[in-house]
Amino acid sequence: MRLSRIWIWFVLALVAIGIVSTLATNWIALAIPTGLGLIVWLLYKYPPKRYARGQARYKGASKSSNIPVIKKSIPRGPYRKSQATRRKDIPFRVIEGRKSSVKKDNEDKKLLH
């Protein structure tokens, strides 16, 4: 356990040395990705109002009352049962296509040439 702690502190020290040396020589190379990461994190943490999910929509509310109007769906019963009664039992039919005749034509041409 003590050996793993030494390795963790060693890696953290190397990371710190790398960050300090990058800041000293070329700070813009570290500032741009850090800034972009910060912007993405802020947009994830605090999204704009138009992209927020799960909020009730206000419809017809006046300035005095901001009570959300939530529409309730009309219960229609089980969907599968009503759909099954509308279907008709039609036997499966195969419609002959042109593929079989095209194959026969190709075989006949091979025989003739």
PDB file of N, CA and C in Angstrom:
ATOM      1  N   MET A   1       0.826  -1.182   0.000  1.00  0.00           N
ATOM      2  CA  MET A   1       0.000   0.000   0.000  1.00  0.00           C
ATOM      3  C   MET A   1       0.876   1.252   0.000  1.00  0.00           C
ATOM      4  N   ARG A   2       1.954   1.217   0.747  1.00  0.00           N
ATOM      5  CA  ARG A   2       2.828   2.374   0.821  1.00  0.00           C
ATOM      6  C   ARG A   2       3.511   2.626  -0.519  1.00  0.00           C
ATOM      7  N   LEU A   3       3.832   1.552  -1.257  1.00  0.00           N
ATOM      8  CA  LEU A   3       4.490   1.690  -2.556  1.00  0.00           C
ATOM      9  C   LEU A   3       3.552   2.340  -3.580  1.00  0.00           C
ATOM     10  N   SER A   4       2.269   1.992  -3.529  1.00  0.00           N
ATOM     11  CA  SER A   4       1.326   2.595  -4.474  1.00  0.00           C
ATOM     12  C   SER A   4       1.149   4.091  -4.198  1.00  0.00           C
ATOM     13  N   ARG A   5       1.209   4.485  -2.933  1.00  0.00           N
ATOM     14  CA  ARG A   5       1.103   5.912  -2.614  1.00  0.00           C
ATOM     15  C   ARG A   5       2.301   6.680  -3.152  1.00  0.00           C
ATOM     16  N   ILE A   6       3.461   6.066  -3.085  1.00  0.00           N
ATOM     17  CA  ILE A   6       4.665   6.723  -3.609  1.00  0.00           C
ATOM     18  C   ILE A   6       4.537   6.937  -5.110  1.00  0.00           C
ATOM     19  N   TRP A   7       4.034   5.921  -5.827  1.00  0.00           N
ATOM     20  CA  TRP A   7       3.863   6.053  -7.279  1.00  0.00           C
ATOM     21  C   TRP A   7       2.841   7.132  -7.626  1.00  0.00           C
ATOM     22  N   ILE A   8       1.755   7.211  -6.857  1.00  0.00           N
ATOM     23  CA  ILE A   8       0.739   8.241  -7.120  1.00  0.00           C
ATOM     24  C   ILE A   8       1.338   9.632  -6.948  1.00  0.00           C
ATOM     25  N   TRP A   9       2.097   9.848  -5.850  1.00  0.00           N
ATOM     26  CA  TRP A   9       2.711  11.162  -5.626  1.00  0.00           C
ATOM     27  C   TRP A   9       3.765  11.467  -6.683  1.00  0.00           C
ATOM     28  N   PHE A  10       4.468  10.444  -7.142  1.00  0.00           N
ATOM     29  CA  PHE A  10       5.480  10.629  -8.183  1.00  0.00           C
ATOM     30  C   PHE A  10       4.834  11.070  -9.501  1.00  0.00           C
ATOM     31  N   VAL A  11       3.741  10.416  -9.879  1.00  0.00           N
ATOM     32  CA  VAL A  11       3.027  10.777 -11.116  1.00  0.00           C
ATOM     33  C   VAL A  11       2.431  12.173 -10.990  1.00  0.00           C
ATOM     34  N   LEU A  12       1.850  12.488  -9.845  1.00  0.00           N
ATOM     35  CA  LEU A  12       1.291  13.835  -9.650  1.00  0.00           C
ATOM     36  C   LEU A  12       2.374  14.911  -9.713  1.00  0.00           C
ATOM     37  N   ALA A  13       3.559  14.614  -9.175  1.00  0.00           N
ATOM     38  CA  ALA A  13       4.668  15.577  -9.243  1.00  0.00           C
ATOM     39  C   ALA A  13       5.105  15.790 -10.690  1.00  0.00           C
ATOM     40  N   LEU A  14       5.167  14.713 -11.477  1.00  0.00           N
ATOM     41  CA  LEU A  14       5.531  14.848 -12.894  1.00  0.00           C
ATOM     42  C   LEU A  14       4.489  15.652 -13.667  1.00  0.00           C
ATOM     43  N   VAL A  15       3.213  15.433 -13.366  1.00  0.00           N
ATOM     44  CA  VAL A  15       2.145  16.201 -14.021  1.00  0.00           C
ATOM     45  C   VAL A  15       2.276  17.682 -13.666  1.00  0.00           C
ATOM     46  N   ALA A  16       2.529  17.975 -12.403  1.00  0.00           N
ATOM     47  CA  ALA A  16       2.680  19.368 -11.976  1.00  0.00           C
ATOM     48  C   ALA A  16       3.882  20.021 -12.651  1.00  0.00           C
ATOM     49  N   ILE A  17       5.004  19.305 -12.745  1.00  0.00           N
ATOM     50  CA  ILE A  17       6.182  19.843 -13.421  1.00  0.00           C
ATOM     51  C   ILE A  17       5.882  20.101 -14.897  1.00  0.00           C
ATOM     52  N   GLY A  18       5.161  19.190 -15.538  1.00  0.00           N
ATOM     53  CA  GLY A  18       4.804  19.384 -16.945  1.00  0.00           C
ATOM     54  C   GLY A  18       3.904  20.582 -17.155  1.00  0.00           C
ATOM     55  N   ILE A  19       2.928  20.782 -16.279  1.00  0.00           N
ATOM     56  CA  ILE A  19       2.025  21.937 -16.404  1.00  0.00           C
ATOM     57  C   ILE A  19       2.784  23.241 -16.190  1.00  0.00           C
ATOM     58  N   VAL A  20       3.646  23.276 -15.180  1.00  0.00           N
ATOM     59  CA  VAL A  20       4.419  24.501 -14.906  1.00  0.00           C
ATOM     60  C   VAL A  20       5.352  24.820 -16.057  1.00  0.00           C
ATOM     61  N   SER A  21       6.022  23.807 -16.616  1.00  0.00           N
ATOM     62  CA  SER A  21       6.941  24.071 -17.726  1.00  0.00           C
ATOM     63  C   SER A  21       6.184  24.511 -18.979  1.00  0.00           C
ATOM     64  N   THR A  22       4.994  23.953 -19.209  1.00  0.00           N
ATOM     65  CA  THR A  22       4.183  24.380 -20.356  1.00  0.00           C
ATOM     66  C   THR A  22       3.713  25.819 -20.172  1.00  0.00           C
ATOM     67  N   LEU A  23       3.314  26.162 -18.968  1.00  0.00           N
ATOM     68  CA  LEU A  23       2.889  27.537 -18.705  1.00  0.00           C
ATOM     69  C   LEU A  23       4.049  28.513 -18.884  1.00  0.00           C
ATOM     70  N   ALA A  24       5.235  28.100 -18.531  1.00  0.00           N
ATOM     71  CA  ALA A  24       6.388  28.996 -18.640  1.00  0.00           C
ATOM     72  C   ALA A  24       6.807  29.206 -20.088  1.00  0.00           C
ATOM     73  N   THR A  25       6.711  28.162 -20.918  1.00  0.00           N
ATOM     74  CA  THR A  25       7.192  28.279 -22.301  1.00  0.00           C
ATOM     75  C   THR A  25       6.087  28.665 -23.287  1.00  0.00           C
ATOM     76  N   ASN A  26       4.962  27.974 -23.241  1.00  0.00           N
ATOM     77  CA  ASN A  26       3.909  28.188 -24.228  1.00  0.00           C
ATOM     78  C   ASN A  26       2.560  28.098 -23.519  1.00  0.00           C
ATOM     79  N   TRP A  27       2.176  29.161 -22.844  1.00  0.00           N
ATOM     80  CA  TRP A  27       0.964  29.135 -22.034  1.00  0.00           C
ATOM     81  C   TRP A  27      -0.307  29.039 -22.864  1.00  0.00           C
ATOM     82  N   ILE A  28      -0.282  29.513 -24.099  1.00  0.00           N
ATOM     83  CA  ILE A  28      -1.487  29.487 -24.935  1.00  0.00           C
ATOM     84  C   ILE A  28      -1.858  28.050 -25.323  1.00  0.00           C
ATOM     85  N   ALA A  29      -0.860  27.171 -25.397  1.00  0.00           N
ATOM     86  CA  ALA A  29      -1.131  25.774 -25.727  1.00  0.00           C
ATOM     87  C   ALA A  29      -1.904  25.085 -24.617  1.00  0.00           C
ATOM     88  N   LEU A  30      -1.831  25.573 -23.420  1.00  0.00           N
ATOM     89  CA  LEU A  30      -2.581  25.012 -22.301  1.00  0.00           C
ATOM     90  C   LEU A  30      -3.861  25.794 -22.039  1.00  0.00           C
ATOM     91  N   ALA A  31      -3.863  27.078 -22.369  1.00  0.00           N
ATOM     92  CA  ALA A  31      -5.019  27.924 -22.070  1.00  0.00           C
ATOM     93  C   ALA A  31      -6.205  27.624 -22.990  1.00  0.00           C
ATOM     94  N   ILE A  32      -5.942  27.352 -24.258  1.00  0.00           N
ATOM     95  CA  ILE A  32      -7.044  27.115 -25.205  1.00  0.00           C
ATOM     96  C   ILE A  32      -7.812  25.839 -24.863  1.00  0.00           C
ATOM     97  N   PRO A  33      -7.178  24.677 -24.699  1.00  0.00           N
ATOM     98  CA  PRO A  33      -7.956  23.485 -24.325  1.00  0.00           C
ATOM     99  C   PRO A  33      -8.627  23.608 -22.962  1.00  0.00           C
ATOM    100  N   THR A  34      -7.972  24.275 -22.033  1.00  0.00           N
ATOM    101  CA  THR A  34      -8.578  24.471 -20.713  1.00  0.00           C
ATOM    102  C   THR A  34      -9.817  25.359 -20.824  1.00  0.00           C
ATOM    103  N   GLY A  35      -9.737  26.408 -21.601  1.00  0.00           N
ATOM    104  CA  GLY A  35     -10.885  27.296 -21.796  1.00  0.00           C
ATOM    105  C   GLY A  35     -12.035  26.596 -22.499  1.00  0.00           C
ATOM    106  N   LEU A  36     -11.724  25.823 -23.525  1.00  0.00           N
ATOM    107  CA  LEU A  36     -12.777  25.084 -24.216  1.00  0.00           C
ATOM    108  C   LEU A  36     -13.424  24.050 -23.305  1.00  0.00           C
ATOM    109  N   GLY A  37     -12.613  23.383 -22.516  1.00  0.00           N
ATOM    110  CA  GLY A  37     -13.156  22.417 -21.561  1.00  0.00           C
ATOM    111  C   GLY A  37     -14.052  23.088 -20.537  1.00  0.00           C
ATOM    112  N   LEU A  38     -13.653  24.263 -20.081  1.00  0.00           N
ATOM    113  CA  LEU A  38     -14.457  25.014 -19.122  1.00  0.00           C
ATOM    114  C   LEU A  38     -15.789  25.449 -19.738  1.00  0.00           C
ATOM    115  N   ILE A  39     -15.767  25.891 -20.976  1.00  0.00           N
ATOM    116  CA  ILE A  39     -17.010  26.299 -21.658  1.00  0.00           C
ATOM    117  C   ILE A  39     -17.949  25.110 -21.821  1.00  0.00           C
ATOM    118  N   VAL A  40     -17.413  23.963 -22.228  1.00  0.00           N
ATOM    119  CA  VAL A  40     -18.252  22.766 -22.395  1.00  0.00           C
ATOM    120  C   VAL A  40     -18.831  22.347 -21.052  1.00  0.00           C
ATOM    121  N   TRP A  41     -18.025  22.383 -19.996  1.00  0.00           N
ATOM    122  CA  TRP A  41     -18.515  21.998 -18.679  1.00  0.00           C
ATOM    123  C   TRP A  41     -19.614  22.946 -18.196  1.00  0.00           C
ATOM    124  N   LEU A  42     -19.430  24.245 -18.419  1.00  0.00           N
ATOM    125  CA  LEU A  42     -20.444  25.217 -17.999  1.00  0.00           C
ATOM    126  C   LEU A  42     -21.749  25.040 -18.770  1.00  0.00           C
ATOM    127  N   LEU A  43     -21.654  24.762 -20.076  1.00  0.00           N
ATOM    128  CA  LEU A  43     -22.871  24.527 -20.860  1.00  0.00           C
ATOM    129  C   LEU A  43     -23.562  23.241 -20.444  1.00  0.00           C
ATOM    130  N   TYR A  44     -22.797  22.247 -20.036  1.00  0.00           N
ATOM    131  CA  TYR A  44     -23.388  21.000 -19.560  1.00  0.00           C
ATOM    132  C   TYR A  44     -24.054  21.216 -18.202  1.00  0.00           C
ATOM    133  N   LYS A  45     -23.380  21.929 -17.335  1.00  0.00           N
ATOM    134  CA  LYS A  45     -23.885  22.144 -15.985  1.00  0.00           C
ATOM    135  C   LYS A  45     -25.067  23.113 -15.958  1.00  0.00           C
ATOM    136  N   TYR A  46     -24.995  24.175 -16.735  1.00  0.00           N
ATOM    137  CA  TYR A  46     -26.041  25.195 -16.800  1.00  0.00           C
ATOM    138  C   TYR A  46     -26.467  25.399 -18.250  1.00  0.00           C
ATOM    139  N   PRO A  47     -27.323  24.530 -18.790  1.00  0.00           N
ATOM    140  CA  PRO A  47     -27.714  24.662 -20.201  1.00  0.00           C
ATOM    141  C   PRO A  47     -28.584  25.899 -20.423  1.00  0.00           C
ATOM    142  N   PRO A  48     -28.591  26.413 -21.659  1.00  0.00           N
ATOM    143  CA  PRO A  48     -29.481  27.543 -21.972  1.00  0.00           C
ATOM    144  C   PRO A  48     -30.941  27.133 -21.793  1.00  0.00           C
ATOM    145  N   LYS A  49     -31.789  28.101 -21.549  1.00  0.00           N
ATOM    146  CA  LYS A  49     -33.202  27.836 -21.261  1.00  0.00           C
ATOM    147  C   LYS A  49     -33.905  27.106 -22.404  1.00  0.00           C
ATOM    148  N   ARG A  50     -33.537  27.390 -23.636  1.00  0.00           N
ATOM    149  CA  ARG A  50     -34.246  26.782 -24.764  1.00  0.00           C
ATOM    150  C   ARG A  50     -33.917  25.309 -24.936  1.00  0.00           C
ATOM    151  N   TYR A  51     -32.814  24.844 -24.332  1.00  0.00           N
ATOM    152  CA  TYR A  51     -32.443  23.442 -24.448  1.00  0.00           C
ATOM    153  C   TYR A  51     -32.736  22.650 -23.177  1.00  0.00           C
ATOM    154  N   ALA A  52     -33.303  23.300 -22.173  1.00  0.00           N
ATOM    155  CA  ALA A  52     -33.592  22.610 -20.912  1.00  0.00           C
ATOM    156  C   ALA A  52     -34.728  21.625 -21.132  1.00  0.00           C
ATOM    157  N   ARG A  53     -34.607  20.439 -20.527  1.00  0.00           N
ATOM    158  CA  ARG A  53     -35.626  19.398 -20.693  1.00  0.00           C
ATOM    159  C   ARG A  53     -36.462  19.275 -19.422  1.00  0.00           C
ATOM    160  N   GLY A  54     -37.655  18.744 -19.619  1.00  0.00           N
ATOM    161  CA  GLY A  54     -38.480  18.403 -18.483  1.00  0.00           C
ATOM    162  C   GLY A  54     -39.175  19.564 -17.807  1.00  0.00           C
ATOM    163  N   GLN A  55     -39.194  20.722 -18.406  1.00  0.00           N
ATOM    164  CA  GLN A  55     -39.861  21.851 -17.784  1.00  0.00           C
ATOM    165  C   GLN A  55     -41.252  21.981 -18.385  1.00  0.00           C
ATOM    166  N   ALA A  56     -42.198  22.374 -17.553  1.00  0.00           N
ATOM    167  CA  ALA A  56     -43.564  22.569 -18.023  1.00  0.00           C
ATOM    168  C   ALA A  56     -43.628  23.821 -18.889  1.00  0.00           C
ATOM    169  N   ARG A  57     -44.439  23.763 -19.916  1.00  0.00           N
ATOM    170  CA  ARG A  57     -44.582  24.909 -20.809  1.00  0.00           C
ATOM    171  C   ARG A  57     -45.743  25.774 -20.330  1.00  0.00           C
ATOM    172  N   TYR A  58     -45.560  27.061 -20.432  1.00  0.00           N
ATOM    173  CA  TYR A  58     -46.584  28.000 -20.023  1.00  0.00           C
ATOM    174  C   TYR A  58     -47.412  28.381 -21.244  1.00  0.00           C
ATOM    175  N   LYS A  59     -48.723  28.162 -21.133  1.00  0.00           N
ATOM    176  CA  LYS A  59     -49.594  28.454 -22.265  1.00  0.00           C
ATOM    177  C   LYS A  59     -50.730  29.351 -21.791  1.00  0.00           C
ATOM    178  N   GLY A  60     -50.805  30.529 -22.356  1.00  0.00           N
ATOM    179  CA  GLY A  60     -51.887  31.440 -22.039  1.00  0.00           C
ATOM    180  C   GLY A  60     -51.810  32.040 -20.648  1.00  0.00           C
ATOM    181  N   ALA A  61     -50.656  32.033 -20.052  1.00  0.00           N
ATOM    182  CA  ALA A  61     -50.529  32.581 -18.700  1.00  0.00           C
ATOM    183  C   ALA A  61     -50.409  34.098 -18.782  1.00  0.00           C
ATOM    184  N   SER A  62     -51.078  34.759 -17.878  1.00  0.00           N
ATOM    185  CA  SER A  62     -50.986  36.215 -17.850  1.00  0.00           C
ATOM    186  C   SER A  62     -49.808  36.627 -16.977  1.00  0.00           C
ATOM    187  N   LYS A  63     -49.592  37.926 -16.860  1.00  0.00           N
ATOM    188  CA  LYS A  63     -48.486  38.429 -16.061  1.00  0.00           C
ATOM    189  C   LYS A  63     -48.695  38.144 -14.575  1.00  0.00           C
ATOM    190  N   SER A  64     -49.948  38.058 -14.143  1.00  0.00           N
ATOM    191  CA  SER A  64     -50.215  37.869 -12.724  1.00  0.00           C
ATOM    192  C   SER A  64     -50.067  36.417 -12.288  1.00  0.00           C
ATOM    193  N   SER A  65     -50.327  35.472 -13.188  1.00  0.00           N
ATOM    194  CA  SER A  65     -50.207  34.065 -12.782  1.00  0.00           C
ATOM    195  C   SER A  65     -49.300  33.321 -13.750  1.00  0.00           C
ATOM    196  N   ASN A  66     -48.362  32.631 -13.194  1.00  0.00           N
ATOM    197  CA  ASN A  66     -47.448  31.817 -13.986  1.00  0.00           C
ATOM    198  C   ASN A  66     -47.622  30.343 -13.622  1.00  0.00           C
ATOM    199  N   ILE A  67     -48.850  29.869 -13.690  1.00  0.00           N
ATOM    200  CA  ILE A  67     -49.140  28.480 -13.371  1.00  0.00           C
ATOM    201  C   ILE A  67     -49.016  27.671 -14.655  1.00  0.00           C
ATOM    202  N   PRO A  68     -48.194  26.617 -14.650  1.00  0.00           N
ATOM    203  CA  PRO A  68     -48.037  25.834 -15.875  1.00  0.00           C
ATOM    204  C   PRO A  68     -49.302  25.053 -16.197  1.00  0.00           C
ATOM    205  N   VAL A  69     -49.623  25.011 -17.488  1.00  0.00           N
ATOM    206  CA  VAL A  69     -50.772  24.265 -17.960  1.00  0.00           C
ATOM    207  C   VAL A  69     -50.246  22.942 -18.499  1.00  0.00           C
ATOM    208  N   ILE A  70     -50.653  21.852 -17.867  1.00  0.00           N
ATOM    209  CA  ILE A  70     -50.192  20.536 -18.271  1.00  0.00           C
ATOM    210  C   ILE A  70     -51.378  19.775 -18.846  1.00  0.00           C
ATOM    211  N   LYS A  71     -51.244  19.339 -20.086  1.00  0.00           N
ATOM    212  CA  LYS A  71     -52.315  18.599 -20.731  1.00  0.00           C
ATOM    213  C   LYS A  71     -52.227  17.138 -20.338  1.00  0.00           C
ATOM    214  N   LYS A  72     -53.364  16.571 -19.966  1.00  0.00           N
ATOM    215  CA  LYS A  72     -53.412  15.158 -19.628  1.00  0.00           C
ATOM    216  C   LYS A  72     -53.907  14.391 -20.846  1.00  0.00           C
ATOM    217  N   SER A  73     -53.323  13.238 -21.061  1.00  0.00           N
ATOM    218  CA  SER A  73     -53.737  12.444 -22.204  1.00  0.00           C
ATOM    219  C   SER A  73     -55.060  11.753 -21.901  1.00  0.00           C
ATOM    220  N   ILE A  74     -55.814  11.513 -22.940  1.00  0.00           N
ATOM    221  CA  ILE A  74     -57.112  10.870 -22.821  1.00  0.00           C
ATOM    222  C   ILE A  74     -56.886   9.359 -22.783  1.00  0.00           C
ATOM    223  N   PRO A  75     -57.391   8.669 -21.775  1.00  0.00           N
ATOM    224  CA  PRO A  75     -57.194   7.221 -21.745  1.00  0.00           C
ATOM    225  C   PRO A  75     -57.957   6.571 -22.887  1.00  0.00           C
ATOM    226  N   ARG A  76     -57.282   5.759 -23.651  1.00  0.00           N
ATOM    227  CA  ARG A  76     -57.896   5.139 -24.831  1.00  0.00           C
ATOM    228  C   ARG A  76     -58.004   3.631 -24.723  1.00  0.00           C
ATOM    229  N   GLY A  77     -57.608   3.065 -23.627  1.00  0.00           N
ATOM    230  CA  GLY A  77     -57.686   1.622 -23.468  1.00  0.00           C
ATOM    231  C   GLY A  77     -56.458   0.951 -24.054  1.00  0.00           C
ATOM    232  N   PRO A  78     -56.438  -0.361 -24.024  1.00  0.00           N
ATOM    233  CA  PRO A  78     -55.267  -1.070 -24.546  1.00  0.00           C
ATOM    234  C   PRO A  78     -55.144  -0.909 -26.054  1.00  0.00           C
ATOM    235  N   TYR A  79     -53.961  -0.552 -26.497  1.00  0.00           N
ATOM    236  CA  TYR A  79     -53.725  -0.270 -27.911  1.00  0.00           C
ATOM    237  C   TYR A  79     -53.741  -1.546 -28.733  1.00  0.00           C
ATOM    238  N   ARG A  80     -53.131  -2.585 -28.240  1.00  0.00           N
ATOM    239  CA  ARG A  80     -52.998  -3.813 -29.017  1.00  0.00           C
ATOM    240  C   ARG A  80     -54.359  -4.456 -29.287  1.00  0.00           C
ATOM    241  N   LYS A  81     -55.250  -4.380 -28.339  1.00  0.00           N
ATOM    242  CA  LYS A  81     -56.548  -5.003 -28.514  1.00  0.00           C
ATOM    243  C   LYS A  81     -57.333  -4.325 -29.632  1.00  0.00           C
ATOM    244  N   SER A  82     -57.317  -3.002 -29.683  1.00  0.00           N
ATOM    245  CA  SER A  82     -58.064  -2.297 -30.716  1.00  0.00           C
ATOM    246  C   SER A  82     -57.424  -2.505 -32.088  1.00  0.00           C
ATOM    247  N   GLN A  83     -56.105  -2.640 -32.115  1.00  0.00           N
ATOM    248  CA  GLN A  83     -55.430  -2.845 -33.385  1.00  0.00           C
ATOM    249  C   GLN A  83     -55.694  -4.255 -33.912  1.00  0.00           C
ATOM    250  N   ALA A  84     -55.782  -5.234 -33.026  1.00  0.00           N
ATOM    251  CA  ALA A  84     -56.006  -6.614 -33.449  1.00  0.00           C
ATOM    252  C   ALA A  84     -57.403  -6.786 -34.021  1.00  0.00           C
ATOM    253  N   THR A  85     -58.386  -6.049 -33.534  1.00  0.00           N
ATOM    254  CA  THR A  85     -59.742  -6.201 -34.045  1.00  0.00           C
ATOM    255  C   THR A  85     -59.887  -5.568 -35.426  1.00  0.00           C
ATOM    256  N   ARG A  86     -59.043  -4.618 -35.773  1.00  0.00           N
ATOM    257  CA  ARG A  86     -59.134  -3.968 -37.073  1.00  0.00           C
ATOM    258  C   ARG A  86     -58.472  -4.770 -38.180  1.00  0.00           C
ATOM    259  N   ARG A  87     -57.548  -5.644 -37.847  1.00  0.00           N
ATOM    260  CA  ARG A  87     -56.829  -6.389 -38.869  1.00  0.00           C
ATOM    261  C   ARG A  87     -57.694  -7.498 -39.444  1.00  0.00           C
ATOM    262  N   LYS A  88     -57.498  -7.742 -40.725  1.00  0.00           N
ATOM    263  CA  LYS A  88     -58.200  -8.819 -41.389  1.00  0.00           C
ATOM    264  C   LYS A  88     -57.233  -9.973 -41.596  1.00  0.00           C
ATOM    265  N   ASP A  89     -57.735 -11.187 -41.544  1.00  0.00           N
ATOM    266  CA  ASP A  89     -56.906 -12.352 -41.806  1.00  0.00           C
ATOM    267  C   ASP A  89     -56.884 -12.609 -43.298  1.00  0.00           C
ATOM    268  N   ILE A  90     -55.783 -12.263 -43.929  1.00  0.00           N
ATOM    269  CA  ILE A  90     -55.618 -12.454 -45.363  1.00  0.00           C
ATOM    270  C   ILE A  90     -54.516 -13.471 -45.567  1.00  0.00           C
ATOM    271  N   PRO A  91     -54.765 -14.493 -46.379  1.00  0.00           N
ATOM    272  CA  PRO A  91     -53.703 -15.477 -46.614  1.00  0.00           C
ATOM    273  C   PRO A  91     -52.547 -14.854 -47.388  1.00  0.00           C
ATOM    274  N   PHE A  92     -51.370 -15.388 -47.158  1.00  0.00           N
ATOM    275  CA  PHE A  92     -50.158 -14.870 -47.782  1.00  0.00           C
ATOM    276  C   PHE A  92     -50.151 -15.225 -49.260  1.00  0.00           C
ATOM    277  N   ARG A  93     -49.894 -14.233 -50.125  1.00  0.00           N
ATOM    278  CA  ARG A  93     -49.826 -14.439 -51.565  1.00  0.00           C
ATOM    279  C   ARG A  93     -48.440 -14.103 -52.067  1.00  0.00           C
ATOM    280  N   VAL A  94     -47.943 -14.898 -52.983  1.00  0.00           N
ATOM    281  CA  VAL A  94     -46.668 -14.631 -53.617  1.00  0.00           C
ATOM    282  C   VAL A  94     -46.938 -14.091 -55.006  1.00  0.00           C
ATOM    283  N   ILE A  95     -46.365 -12.926 -55.289  1.00  0.00           N
ATOM    284  CA  ILE A  95     -46.533 -12.322 -56.609  1.00  0.00           C
ATOM    285  C   ILE A  95     -45.290 -12.656 -57.407  1.00  0.00           C
ATOM    286  N   GLU A  96     -45.475 -13.279 -58.536  1.00  0.00           N
ATOM    287  CA  GLU A  96     -44.344 -13.680 -59.370  1.00  0.00           C
ATOM    288  C   GLU A  96     -43.677 -12.445 -59.959  1.00  0.00           C
ATOM    289  N   GLY A  97     -42.367 -12.430 -59.874  1.00  0.00           N
ATOM    290  CA  GLY A  97     -41.620 -11.309 -60.410  1.00  0.00           C
ATOM    291  C   GLY A  97     -40.947 -11.672 -61.714  1.00  0.00           C
ATOM    292  N   ARG A  98     -40.039 -10.824 -62.173  1.00  0.00           N
ATOM    293  CA  ARG A  98     -39.366 -11.046 -63.445  1.00  0.00           C
ATOM    294  C   ARG A  98     -38.017 -11.742 -63.273  1.00  0.00           C
ATOM    295  N   LYS A  99     -37.576 -11.956 -62.063  1.00  0.00           N
ATOM    296  CA  LYS A  99     -36.245 -12.498 -61.853  1.00  0.00           C
ATOM    297  C   LYS A  99     -36.095 -13.894 -62.429  1.00  0.00           C
ATOM    298  N   SER A 100     -37.096 -14.721 -62.281  1.00  0.00           N
ATOM    299  CA  SER A 100     -36.971 -16.081 -62.800  1.00  0.00           C
ATOM    300  C   SER A 100     -36.899 -16.072 -64.327  1.00  0.00           C
ATOM    301  N   SER A 101     -37.647 -15.184 -64.971  1.00  0.00           N
ATOM    302  CA  SER A 101     -37.598 -15.126 -66.435  1.00  0.00           C
ATOM    303  C   SER A 101     -36.272 -14.532 -66.907  1.00  0.00           C
ATOM    304  N   VAL A 102     -35.681 -13.613 -66.141  1.00  0.00           N
ATOM    305  CA  VAL A 102     -34.393 -13.033 -66.511  1.00  0.00           C
ATOM    306  C   VAL A 102     -33.312 -14.092 -66.423  1.00  0.00           C
ATOM    307  N   LYS A 103     -33.354 -14.945 -65.406  1.00  0.00           N
ATOM    308  CA  LYS A 103     -32.374 -16.013 -65.274  1.00  0.00           C
ATOM    309  C   LYS A 103     -32.488 -16.989 -66.438  1.00  0.00           C
ATOM    310  N   LYS A 104     -33.714 -17.310 -66.848  1.00  0.00           N
ATOM    311  CA  LYS A 104     -33.899 -18.234 -67.973  1.00  0.00           C
ATOM    312  C   LYS A 104     -33.368 -17.626 -69.265  1.00  0.00           C
ATOM    313  N   ASP A 105     -33.575 -16.312 -69.446  1.00  0.00           N
ATOM    314  CA  ASP A 105     -33.074 -15.646 -70.651  1.00  0.00           C
ATOM    315  C   ASP A 105     -31.554 -15.665 -70.682  1.00  0.00           C
ATOM    316  N   ASN A 106     -30.921 -15.435 -69.523  1.00  0.00           N
ATOM    317  CA  ASN A 106     -29.457 -15.451 -69.456  1.00  0.00           C
ATOM    318  C   ASN A 106     -28.915 -16.844 -69.738  1.00  0.00           C
ATOM    319  N   GLU A 107     -29.590 -17.878 -69.242  1.00  0.00           N
ATOM    320  CA  GLU A 107     -29.138 -19.244 -69.491  1.00  0.00           C
ATOM    321  C   GLU A 107     -29.283 -19.586 -70.973  1.00  0.00           C
ATOM    322  N   ASP A 108     -30.353 -19.137 -71.594  1.00  0.00           N
ATOM    323  CA  ASP A 108     -30.556 -19.401 -73.014  1.00  0.00           C
ATOM    324  C   ASP A 108     -29.489 -18.702 -73.849  1.00  0.00           C
ATOM    325  N   LYS A 109     -29.102 -17.484 -73.491  1.00  0.00           N
ATOM    326  CA  LYS A 109     -28.071 -16.760 -74.233  1.00  0.00           C
ATOM    327  C   LYS A 109     -26.721 -17.434 -74.103  1.00  0.00           C
ATOM    328  N   LYS A 110     -26.433 -17.990 -72.909  1.00  0.00           N
ATOM    329  CA  LYS A 110     -25.162 -18.690 -72.707  1.00  0.00           C
ATOM    330  C   LYS A 110     -25.092 -19.937 -73.584  1.00  0.00           C
ATOM    331  N   LEU A 111     -26.208 -20.605 -73.714  1.00  0.00           N
ATOM    332  CA  LEU A 111     -26.240 -21.805 -74.531  1.00  0.00           C
ATOM    333  C   LEU A 111     -26.074 -21.486 -76.014  1.00  0.00           C
ATOM    334  N   LEU A 112     -26.607 -20.360 -76.448  1.00  0.00           N
ATOM    335  CA  LEU A 112     -26.541 -20.010 -77.859  1.00  0.00           C
ATOM    336  C   LEU A 112     -25.184 -19.498 -78.246  1.00  0.00           C
ATOM    337  N   HIS A 113     -24.449 -18.888 -77.363  1.00  0.00           N
ATOM    338  CA  HIS A 113     -23.155 -18.314 -77.722  1.00  0.00           C
ATOM    339  C   HIS A 113     -22.070 -19.254 -77.449  1.00  0.00           C
TER     340      HIS A 113
END
